[in-house]
Each structure stands twice: as C-alpha cells, then as structure tokens.
C-alpha cells in the first residue's frame, strides 16, 4: 500500500506538463535510480520532475519492483520504448 501512496503523485498524468513528460521520455532510464532520473530533468522544478518520474511508472512506461518499498534509490528495471 505504501508504494501506491508513493506513486499517487504521478497518477494524474494529464496534469503533468507535456514538456516535462516529453523530456522524461528521452532519458535512458533503465538501470538508473528514481533520484538519478529526476536529477537529469534539468530546467524543471524539483516537484514537477518528481511527478513526471512517478507518472512514467504509473503509466507503465517505466517499471520498478513494487514488491519492495519505493524510494529515491529505487532502480528502474525496464523502460518501454515509446515514440518521443
């Protein structure tokens, strides 16, 4: 249940700036931590970058192990290829 609450910030993808979502899709996220990917979203407010990262997980574009509690150290295991 903790992971659902953690991901909750990304569940309303339509409220996240399309610009930051496009930027997130350009990152080679696989094997990086959530914090690392968030830090690569330069030029965006920290909270907005975090919501985009969580939005990518919520939509299934990025995958993480949901059997362990999520944190900034959670590693993105798989990233689905999408058109930018």
Protein backbone atom coordinates (compact mmCIF):
# COMPACT_ATOMS: atom_id res chain seq x y z
CA UNK A 1 0.00 0.00 0.00
CA UNK A 2 2.92 2.33 0.71
CA UNK A 3 4.01 2.14 -2.94
CA UNK A 4 0.54 3.11 -4.14
CA UNK A 5 0.67 6.24 -1.98
CA UNK A 6 4.20 6.98 -3.22
CA UNK A 7 3.10 6.64 -6.85
CA UNK A 8 -0.05 8.67 -6.25
CA UNK A 9 1.70 11.89 -7.26
CA UNK A 10 2.04 10.53 -10.78
CA UNK A 11 -1.43 9.10 -11.29
CA UNK A 12 -2.91 12.19 -12.93
CA UNK A 13 -0.59 12.29 -15.90
CA UNK A 14 -2.89 14.71 -17.72
CA UNK A 15 -1.99 17.31 -15.07
CA UNK A 16 1.73 16.95 -15.64
CA UNK A 17 3.28 19.33 -18.15
CA UNK A 18 3.59 17.64 -21.57
CA UNK A 19 7.00 19.30 -21.87
CA UNK A 20 8.42 17.57 -18.80
CA UNK A 21 6.84 14.25 -19.83
CA UNK A 22 8.49 14.53 -23.26
CA UNK A 23 11.80 15.28 -21.57
CA UNK A 24 11.38 12.26 -19.28
CA UNK A 25 10.77 10.01 -22.30
CA UNK A 26 14.15 11.00 -23.77
CA UNK A 27 16.09 9.73 -20.74
CA UNK A 28 17.72 6.29 -20.88
CA UNK A 29 16.15 5.39 -17.54
CA UNK A 30 16.78 1.66 -17.32
CA UNK A 31 19.26 0.84 -14.54
CA UNK A 32 19.09 4.33 -13.02
CA UNK A 33 17.53 5.25 -9.69
CA UNK A 34 14.46 7.46 -9.43
CA UNK A 35 16.62 10.21 -7.93
CA UNK A 36 19.16 9.95 -10.77
CA UNK A 37 16.48 10.21 -13.44
CA UNK A 38 14.82 13.09 -11.61
CA UNK A 39 18.15 14.95 -11.48
CA UNK A 40 18.51 14.55 -15.27
CA UNK A 41 15.32 16.55 -15.78
CA UNK A 42 17.21 19.81 -15.58
CA UNK A 43 15.36 23.04 -16.11
CA UNK A 44 12.23 21.80 -14.33
CA UNK A 45 11.10 22.44 -10.77
CA UNK A 46 12.01 19.53 -8.47
CA UNK A 47 8.38 18.67 -7.67
CA UNK A 48 7.41 18.69 -11.34
CA UNK A 49 10.35 16.44 -12.23
CA UNK A 50 9.37 14.01 -9.44
CA UNK A 51 5.74 13.89 -10.66
CA UNK A 52 6.93 13.15 -14.20
CA UNK A 53 9.16 10.30 -12.98
CA UNK A 54 6.27 8.82 -10.99
CA UNK A 55 3.92 9.38 -13.93
CA UNK A 56 6.19 7.32 -16.16
CA UNK A 57 5.92 4.46 -13.67
CA UNK A 58 2.16 4.89 -13.19
CA UNK A 59 1.56 4.61 -16.95
CA UNK A 60 3.83 1.58 -17.25
CA UNK A 61 6.39 3.31 -19.47
CA UNK A 62 8.98 2.60 -16.78
CA UNK A 63 8.86 -0.37 -14.43
CA UNK A 64 10.18 -0.89 -10.92
CA UNK A 65 9.96 -3.69 -8.36
CA UNK A 66 6.74 -2.92 -6.48
CA UNK A 67 7.34 -5.75 -4.00
CA UNK A 68 9.79 -3.57 -2.07
CA UNK A 69 9.13 -0.10 -0.63
CA UNK A 70 9.90 2.62 -3.17
CA UNK A 71 12.27 5.50 -2.53
CA UNK A 72 14.61 7.71 -4.48
CA UNK A 73 17.05 4.75 -4.51
CA UNK A 74 14.56 2.52 -6.37
CA UNK A 75 16.05 1.32 -9.66
CA UNK A 76 14.09 1.47 -12.89
CA UNK A 77 14.24 -2.09 -14.16
CA UNK A 78 12.73 -1.73 -17.57
CA UNK A 79 11.77 1.13 -19.83
CA UNK A 80 9.29 0.58 -22.63
CA UNK A 81 10.35 2.14 -25.91
CA UNK A 82 7.98 4.93 -26.95
CA UNK A 83 7.92 7.47 -29.72
CA UNK A 84 9.11 10.83 -28.43
